[in-house]
Amino acid sequence: MFKIEVEDGHGLWSDVRGTDGAILTFEREDDARARLALLFPVIVQMEKYTGGKRTRVIRILEDEDDWPKPPVR
């Protein structure tokens, strides 16, 4: 899973959310990058020519806390 983050200009990164308020997540990195380019076309293009990054695609790693708990017997 992947998600998109954007920097606010003060160094604070936040998740990009959909109209329902949920974090946008994607199964494939290519899909996340395509949506990033659609949502922030000017920033994505500017990043090619400037030194800083204001957007990023992050891999969401699964850990054991995300797994279903076995039933207690």
PDB file of N, CA and C in Angstrom:
ATOM      1  N   MET A   1       0.849  -1.181   0.000  1.00  0.00           N
ATOM      2  CA  MET A   1       0.000   0.000   0.000  1.00  0.00           C
ATOM      3  C   MET A   1       0.896   1.246   0.000  1.00  0.00           C
ATOM      4  N   PHE A   2       0.367   2.297  -0.624  1.00  0.00           N
ATOM      5  CA  PHE A   2       1.075   3.565  -0.724  1.00  0.00           C
ATOM      6  C   PHE A   2       0.132   4.712  -0.397  1.00  0.00           C
ATOM      7  N   LYS A   3       0.695   5.822   0.072  1.00  0.00           N
ATOM      8  CA  LYS A   3      -0.089   7.026   0.318  1.00  0.00           C
ATOM      9  C   LYS A   3       0.702   8.236  -0.162  1.00  0.00           C
ATOM     10  N   ILE A   4       0.018   9.359  -0.293  1.00  0.00           N
ATOM     11  CA  ILE A   4       0.623  10.601  -0.754  1.00  0.00           C
ATOM     12  C   ILE A   4       0.715  11.558   0.427  1.00  0.00           C
ATOM     13  N   GLU A   5       1.844  12.267   0.506  1.00  0.00           N
ATOM     14  CA  GLU A   5       1.998  13.312   1.511  1.00  0.00           C
ATOM     15  C   GLU A   5       2.448  14.593   0.821  1.00  0.00           C
ATOM     16  N   VAL A   6       2.084  15.720   1.428  1.00  0.00           N
ATOM     17  CA  VAL A   6       2.475  17.026   0.904  1.00  0.00           C
ATOM     18  C   VAL A   6       3.006  17.873   2.064  1.00  0.00           C
ATOM     19  N   GLU A   7       4.038  18.675   1.761  1.00  0.00           N
ATOM     20  CA  GLU A   7       4.639  19.542   2.772  1.00  0.00           C
ATOM     21  C   GLU A   7       3.959  20.902   2.735  1.00  0.00           C
ATOM     22  N   ASP A   8       3.754  21.499   3.897  1.00  0.00           N
ATOM     23  CA  ASP A   8       3.019  22.764   3.987  1.00  0.00           C
ATOM     24  C   ASP A   8       3.891  24.004   3.819  1.00  0.00           C
ATOM     25  N   GLY A   9       5.195  23.863   3.623  1.00  0.00           N
ATOM     26  CA  GLY A   9       6.076  25.023   3.489  1.00  0.00           C
ATOM     27  C   GLY A   9       6.818  25.357   4.766  1.00  0.00           C
ATOM     28  N   HIS A  10       6.380  24.769   5.878  1.00  0.00           N
ATOM     29  CA  HIS A  10       7.042  24.966   7.168  1.00  0.00           C
ATOM     30  C   HIS A  10       7.734  23.683   7.621  1.00  0.00           C
ATOM     31  N   GLY A  11       7.845  22.720   6.716  1.00  0.00           N
ATOM     32  CA  GLY A  11       8.497  21.458   7.045  1.00  0.00           C
ATOM     33  C   GLY A  11       7.577  20.409   7.623  1.00  0.00           C
ATOM     34  N   LEU A  12       6.276  20.683   7.684  1.00  0.00           N
ATOM     35  CA  LEU A  12       5.323  19.719   8.227  1.00  0.00           C
ATOM     36  C   LEU A  12       4.656  18.960   7.083  1.00  0.00           C
ATOM     37  N   TRP A  13       4.739  17.639   7.138  1.00  0.00           N
ATOM     38  CA  TRP A  13       4.140  16.786   6.116  1.00  0.00           C
ATOM     39  C   TRP A  13       2.776  16.307   6.593  1.00  0.00           C
ATOM     40  N   SER A  14       1.823  16.255   5.671  1.00  0.00           N
ATOM     41  CA  SER A  14       0.495  15.740   6.023  1.00  0.00           C
ATOM     42  C   SER A  14      -0.004  14.828   4.904  1.00  0.00           C
ATOM     43  N   ASP A  15      -0.861  13.901   5.292  1.00  0.00           N
ATOM     44  CA  ASP A  15      -1.451  12.961   4.345  1.00  0.00           C
ATOM     45  C   ASP A  15      -2.453  13.681   3.456  1.00  0.00           C
ATOM     46  N   VAL A  16      -2.518  13.261   2.210  1.00  0.00           N
ATOM     47  CA  VAL A  16      -3.533  13.772   1.299  1.00  0.00           C
ATOM     48  C   VAL A  16      -4.787  12.940   1.509  1.00  0.00           C
ATOM     49  N   ARG A  17      -5.912  13.615   1.673  1.00  0.00           N
ATOM     50  CA  ARG A  17      -7.178  12.936   1.978  1.00  0.00           C
ATOM     51  C   ARG A  17      -8.181  13.150   0.860  1.00  0.00           C
ATOM     52  N   GLY A  18      -9.085  12.198   0.744  1.00  0.00           N
ATOM     53  CA  GLY A  18     -10.150  12.281  -0.245  1.00  0.00           C
ATOM     54  C   GLY A  18     -11.278  13.159   0.248  1.00  0.00           C
ATOM     55  N   THR A  19     -12.330  13.282  -0.555  1.00  0.00           N
ATOM     56  CA  THR A  19     -13.473  14.115  -0.185  1.00  0.00           C
ATOM     57  C   THR A  19     -14.194  13.593   1.048  1.00  0.00           C
ATOM     58  N   ASP A  20     -14.056  12.301   1.337  1.00  0.00           N
ATOM     59  CA  ASP A  20     -14.691  11.717   2.523  1.00  0.00           C
ATOM     60  C   ASP A  20     -13.845  11.877   3.784  1.00  0.00           C
ATOM     61  N   GLY A  21     -12.641  12.467   3.651  1.00  0.00           N
ATOM     62  CA  GLY A  21     -11.769  12.690   4.798  1.00  0.00           C
ATOM     63  C   GLY A  21     -10.810  11.556   5.081  1.00  0.00           C
ATOM     64  N   ALA A  22     -10.945  10.448   4.352  1.00  0.00           N
ATOM     65  CA  ALA A  22     -10.062   9.303   4.559  1.00  0.00           C
ATOM     66  C   ALA A  22      -8.755   9.513   3.785  1.00  0.00           C
ATOM     67  N   ILE A  23      -7.681   8.980   4.325  1.00  0.00           N
ATOM     68  CA  ILE A  23      -6.381   9.058   3.661  1.00  0.00           C
ATOM     69  C   ILE A  23      -6.456   8.297   2.344  1.00  0.00           C
ATOM     70  N   LEU A  24      -5.971   8.938   1.273  1.00  0.00           N
ATOM     71  CA  LEU A  24      -5.938   8.266  -0.017  1.00  0.00           C
ATOM     72  C   LEU A  24      -4.847   7.196   0.010  1.00  0.00           C
ATOM     73  N   THR A  25      -5.217   5.965  -0.284  1.00  0.00           N
ATOM     74  CA  THR A  25      -4.252   4.873  -0.345  1.00  0.00           C
ATOM     75  C   THR A  25      -4.372   4.184  -1.695  1.00  0.00           C
ATOM     76  N   PHE A  26      -3.269   3.570  -2.103  1.00  0.00           N
ATOM     77  CA  PHE A  26      -3.188   2.954  -3.423  1.00  0.00           C
ATOM     78  C   PHE A  26      -2.465   1.618  -3.311  1.00  0.00           C
ATOM     79  N   GLU A  27      -2.885   0.654  -4.103  1.00  0.00           N
ATOM     80  CA  GLU A  27      -2.242  -0.652  -4.124  1.00  0.00           C
ATOM     81  C   GLU A  27      -0.892  -0.582  -4.828  1.00  0.00           C
ATOM     82  N   ARG A  28      -0.796   0.250  -5.865  1.00  0.00           N
ATOM     83  CA  ARG A  28       0.413   0.320  -6.676  1.00  0.00           C
ATOM     84  C   ARG A  28       1.040   1.710  -6.583  1.00  0.00           C
ATOM     85  N   GLU A  29       2.367   1.752  -6.548  1.00  0.00           N
ATOM     86  CA  GLU A  29       3.078   3.021  -6.473  1.00  0.00           C
ATOM     87  C   GLU A  29       2.796   3.881  -7.705  1.00  0.00           C
ATOM     88  N   ASP A  30       2.714   3.255  -8.875  1.00  0.00           N
ATOM     89  CA  ASP A  30       2.429   4.003 -10.108  1.00  0.00           C
ATOM     90  C   ASP A  30       1.090   4.733 -10.025  1.00  0.00           C
ATOM     91  N   ASP A  31       0.091   4.086  -9.420  1.00  0.00           N
ATOM     92  CA  ASP A  31      -1.225   4.723  -9.260  1.00  0.00           C
ATOM     93  C   ASP A  31      -1.132   5.928  -8.323  1.00  0.00           C
ATOM     94  N   ALA A  32      -0.364   5.792  -7.257  1.00  0.00           N
ATOM     95  CA  ALA A  32      -0.192   6.899  -6.306  1.00  0.00           C
ATOM     96  C   ALA A  32       0.510   8.076  -6.977  1.00  0.00           C
ATOM     97  N   ARG A  33       1.536   7.793  -7.762  1.00  0.00           N
ATOM     98  CA  ARG A  33       2.258   8.864  -8.453  1.00  0.00           C
ATOM     99  C   ARG A  33       1.401   9.543  -9.515  1.00  0.00           C
ATOM    100  N   ALA A  34       0.561   8.771 -10.194  1.00  0.00           N
ATOM    101  CA  ALA A  34      -0.344   9.349 -11.191  1.00  0.00           C
ATOM    102  C   ALA A  34      -1.357  10.277 -10.523  1.00  0.00           C
ATOM    103  N   ARG A  35      -1.917   9.868  -9.392  1.00  0.00           N
ATOM    104  CA  ARG A  35      -2.876  10.713  -8.664  1.00  0.00           C
ATOM    105  C   ARG A  35      -2.190  11.955  -8.129  1.00  0.00           C
ATOM    106  N   LEU A  36      -0.956  11.803  -7.637  1.00  0.00           N
ATOM    107  CA  LEU A  36      -0.180  12.944  -7.156  1.00  0.00           C
ATOM    108  C   LEU A  36      -0.025  13.981  -8.265  1.00  0.00           C
ATOM    109  N   ALA A  37       0.304  13.534  -9.456  1.00  0.00           N
ATOM    110  CA  ALA A  37       0.471  14.448 -10.590  1.00  0.00           C
ATOM    111  C   ALA A  37      -0.849  15.116 -10.971  1.00  0.00           C
ATOM    112  N   LEU A  38      -1.970  14.426 -10.789  1.00  0.00           N
ATOM    113  CA  LEU A  38      -3.280  15.021 -11.079  1.00  0.00           C
ATOM    114  C   LEU A  38      -3.682  16.050 -10.031  1.00  0.00           C
ATOM    115  N   LEU A  39      -3.406  15.761  -8.770  1.00  0.00           N
ATOM    116  CA  LEU A  39      -3.820  16.643  -7.682  1.00  0.00           C
ATOM    117  C   LEU A  39      -2.920  17.870  -7.531  1.00  0.00           C
ATOM    118  N   PHE A  40      -1.626  17.713  -7.798  1.00  0.00           N
ATOM    119  CA  PHE A  40      -0.656  18.785  -7.597  1.00  0.00           C
ATOM    120  C   PHE A  40       0.237  18.942  -8.829  1.00  0.00           C
ATOM    121  N   PRO A  41      -0.325  19.222  -9.996  1.00  0.00           N
ATOM    122  CA  PRO A  41       0.477  19.228 -11.227  1.00  0.00           C
ATOM    123  C   PRO A  41       1.586  20.270 -11.237  1.00  0.00           C
ATOM    124  N   VAL A  42       1.318  21.459 -10.727  1.00  0.00           N
ATOM    125  CA  VAL A  42       2.331  22.518 -10.754  1.00  0.00           C
ATOM    126  C   VAL A  42       3.488  22.174  -9.814  1.00  0.00           C
ATOM    127  N   ILE A  43       3.176  21.730  -8.617  1.00  0.00           N
ATOM    128  CA  ILE A  43       4.225  21.395  -7.643  1.00  0.00           C
ATOM    129  C   ILE A  43       5.080  20.239  -8.157  1.00  0.00           C
ATOM    130  N   VAL A  44       4.440  19.213  -8.717  1.00  0.00           N
ATOM    131  CA  VAL A  44       5.184  18.060  -9.229  1.00  0.00           C
ATOM    132  C   VAL A  44       6.128  18.492 -10.348  1.00  0.00           C
ATOM    133  N   GLN A  45       5.661  19.337 -11.253  1.00  0.00           N
ATOM    134  CA  GLN A  45       6.522  19.813 -12.338  1.00  0.00           C
ATOM    135  C   GLN A  45       7.651  20.702 -11.818  1.00  0.00           C
ATOM    136  N   MET A  46       7.368  21.543 -10.844  1.00  0.00           N
ATOM    137  CA  MET A  46       8.394  22.438 -10.286  1.00  0.00           C
ATOM    138  C   MET A  46       9.503  21.648  -9.586  1.00  0.00           C
ATOM    139  N   GLU A  47       9.147  20.515  -8.973  1.00  0.00           N
ATOM    140  CA  GLU A  47      10.143  19.715  -8.257  1.00  0.00           C
ATOM    141  C   GLU A  47      11.233  19.200  -9.187  1.00  0.00           C
ATOM    142  N   LYS A  48      10.929  19.099 -10.468  1.00  0.00           N
ATOM    143  CA  LYS A  48      11.938  18.650 -11.425  1.00  0.00           C
ATOM    144  C   LYS A  48      13.052  19.680 -11.594  1.00  0.00           C
ATOM    145  N   TYR A  49      12.752  20.953 -11.334  1.00  0.00           N
ATOM    146  CA  TYR A  49      13.696  22.034 -11.595  1.00  0.00           C
ATOM    147  C   TYR A  49      14.228  22.707 -10.341  1.00  0.00           C
ATOM    148  N   THR A  50      13.596  22.477  -9.203  1.00  0.00           N
ATOM    149  CA  THR A  50      14.043  23.091  -7.951  1.00  0.00           C
ATOM    150  C   THR A  50      14.706  22.044  -7.070  1.00  0.00           C
ATOM    151  N   GLY A  51      15.382  22.484  -6.048  1.00  0.00           N
ATOM    152  CA  GLY A  51      16.121  21.563  -5.197  1.00  0.00           C
ATOM    153  C   GLY A  51      15.279  20.823  -4.177  1.00  0.00           C
ATOM    154  N   GLY A  52      14.160  21.390  -3.757  1.00  0.00           N
ATOM    155  CA  GLY A  52      13.391  20.796  -2.670  1.00  0.00           C
ATOM    156  C   GLY A  52      12.244  19.934  -3.136  1.00  0.00           C
ATOM    157  N   LYS A  53      11.774  19.100  -2.230  1.00  0.00           N
ATOM    158  CA  LYS A  53      10.604  18.269  -2.473  1.00  0.00           C
ATOM    159  C   LYS A  53       9.462  18.786  -1.609  1.00  0.00           C
ATOM    160  N   ARG A  54       8.284  18.902  -2.188  1.00  0.00           N
ATOM    161  CA  ARG A  54       7.095  19.323  -1.436  1.00  0.00           C
ATOM    162  C   ARG A  54       6.036  18.240  -1.442  1.00  0.00           C
ATOM    163  N   THR A  55       6.245  17.190  -2.248  1.00  0.00           N
ATOM    164  CA  THR A  55       5.312  16.062  -2.298  1.00  0.00           C
ATOM    165  C   THR A  55       6.113  14.775  -2.237  1.00  0.00           C
ATOM    166  N   ARG A  56       5.444  13.710  -1.784  1.00  0.00           N
ATOM    167  CA  ARG A  56       6.101  12.409  -1.781  1.00  0.00           C
ATOM    168  C   ARG A  56       5.072  11.291  -1.727  1.00  0.00           C
ATOM    169  N   VAL A  57       5.500  10.138  -2.210  1.00  0.00           N
ATOM    170  CA  VAL A  57       4.704   8.920  -2.125  1.00  0.00           C
ATOM    171  C   VAL A  57       5.394   8.029  -1.103  1.00  0.00           C
ATOM    172  N   ILE A  58       4.642   7.563  -0.131  1.00  0.00           N
ATOM    173  CA  ILE A  58       5.176   6.782   0.979  1.00  0.00           C
ATOM    174  C   ILE A  58       4.598   5.369   0.943  1.00  0.00           C
ATOM    175  N   ARG A  59       5.468   4.388   1.135  1.00  0.00           N
ATOM    176  CA  ARG A  59       5.004   3.005   1.260  1.00  0.00           C
ATOM    177  C   ARG A  59       4.479   2.798   2.682  1.00  0.00           C
ATOM    178  N   ILE A  60       3.310   2.239   2.787  1.00  0.00           N
ATOM    179  CA  ILE A  60       2.724   1.931   4.096  1.00  0.00           C
ATOM    180  C   ILE A  60       3.122   0.502   4.430  1.00  0.00           C
ATOM    181  N   LEU A  61       3.930   0.358   5.459  1.00  0.00           N
ATOM    182  CA  LEU A  61       4.387  -0.967   5.870  1.00  0.00           C
ATOM    183  C   LEU A  61       3.403  -1.570   6.869  1.00  0.00           C
ATOM    184  N   GLU A  62       3.165  -2.825   6.707  1.00  0.00           N
ATOM    185  CA  GLU A  62       2.276  -3.544   7.614  1.00  0.00           C
ATOM    186  C   GLU A  62       3.123  -4.126   8.735  1.00  0.00           C
ATOM    187  N   ASP A  63       2.632  -4.031   9.958  1.00  0.00           N
ATOM    188  CA  ASP A  63       3.334  -4.673  11.059  1.00  0.00           C
ATOM    189  C   ASP A  63       2.377  -5.579  11.808  1.00  0.00           C
ATOM    190  N   GLU A  64       2.888  -6.264  12.807  1.00  0.00           N
ATOM    191  CA  GLU A  64       2.063  -7.257  13.493  1.00  0.00           C
ATOM    192  C   GLU A  64       0.860  -6.655  14.204  1.00  0.00           C
ATOM    193  N   ASP A  65       0.880  -5.360  14.522  1.00  0.00           N
ATOM    194  CA  ASP A  65      -0.271  -4.714  15.141  1.00  0.00           C
ATOM    195  C   ASP A  65      -1.432  -4.589  14.158  1.00  0.00           C
ATOM    196  N   ASP A  66      -1.145  -4.660  12.853  1.00  0.00           N
ATOM    197  CA  ASP A  66      -2.186  -4.567  11.831  1.00  0.00           C
ATOM    198  C   ASP A  66      -2.863  -5.900  11.556  1.00  0.00           C
ATOM    199  N   TRP A  67      -2.257  -6.988  12.000  1.00  0.00           N
ATOM    200  CA  TRP A  67      -2.808  -8.317  11.724  1.00  0.00           C
ATOM    201  C   TRP A  67      -3.995  -8.586  12.628  1.00  0.00           C
ATOM    202  N   PRO A  68      -4.943  -9.395  12.168  1.00  0.00           N
ATOM    203  CA  PRO A  68      -6.073  -9.753  13.046  1.00  0.00           C
ATOM    204  C   PRO A  68      -5.576 -10.553  14.247  1.00  0.00           C
ATOM    205  N   LYS A  69      -6.186 -10.290  15.361  1.00  0.00           N
ATOM    206  CA  LYS A  69      -5.813 -11.002  16.591  1.00  0.00           C
ATOM    207  C   LYS A  69      -6.487 -12.381  16.599  1.00  0.00           C
ATOM    208  N   PRO A  70      -5.751 -13.415  17.036  1.00  0.00           N
ATOM    209  CA  PRO A  70      -6.385 -14.730  17.130  1.00  0.00           C
ATOM    210  C   PRO A  70      -7.406 -14.732  18.261  1.00  0.00           C
ATOM    211  N   PRO A  71      -8.446 -15.534  18.118  1.00  0.00           N
ATOM    212  CA  PRO A  71      -9.456 -15.570  19.185  1.00  0.00           C
ATOM    213  C   PRO A  71      -8.872 -16.138  20.482  1.00  0.00           C
ATOM    214  N   VAL A  72      -9.320 -15.595  21.591  1.00  0.00           N
ATOM    215  CA  VAL A  72      -8.887 -16.062  22.915  1.00  0.00           C
ATOM    216  C   VAL A  72      -9.742 -17.248  23.285  1.00  0.00           C
ATOM    217  N   ARG A  73      -9.098 -18.312  23.723  1.00  0.00           N
ATOM    218  CA  ARG A  73      -9.840 -19.535  24.092  1.00  0.00           C
ATOM    219  C   ARG A  73      -9.835 -19.741  25.577  1.00  0.00           C
TER     220      ARG A  73
END
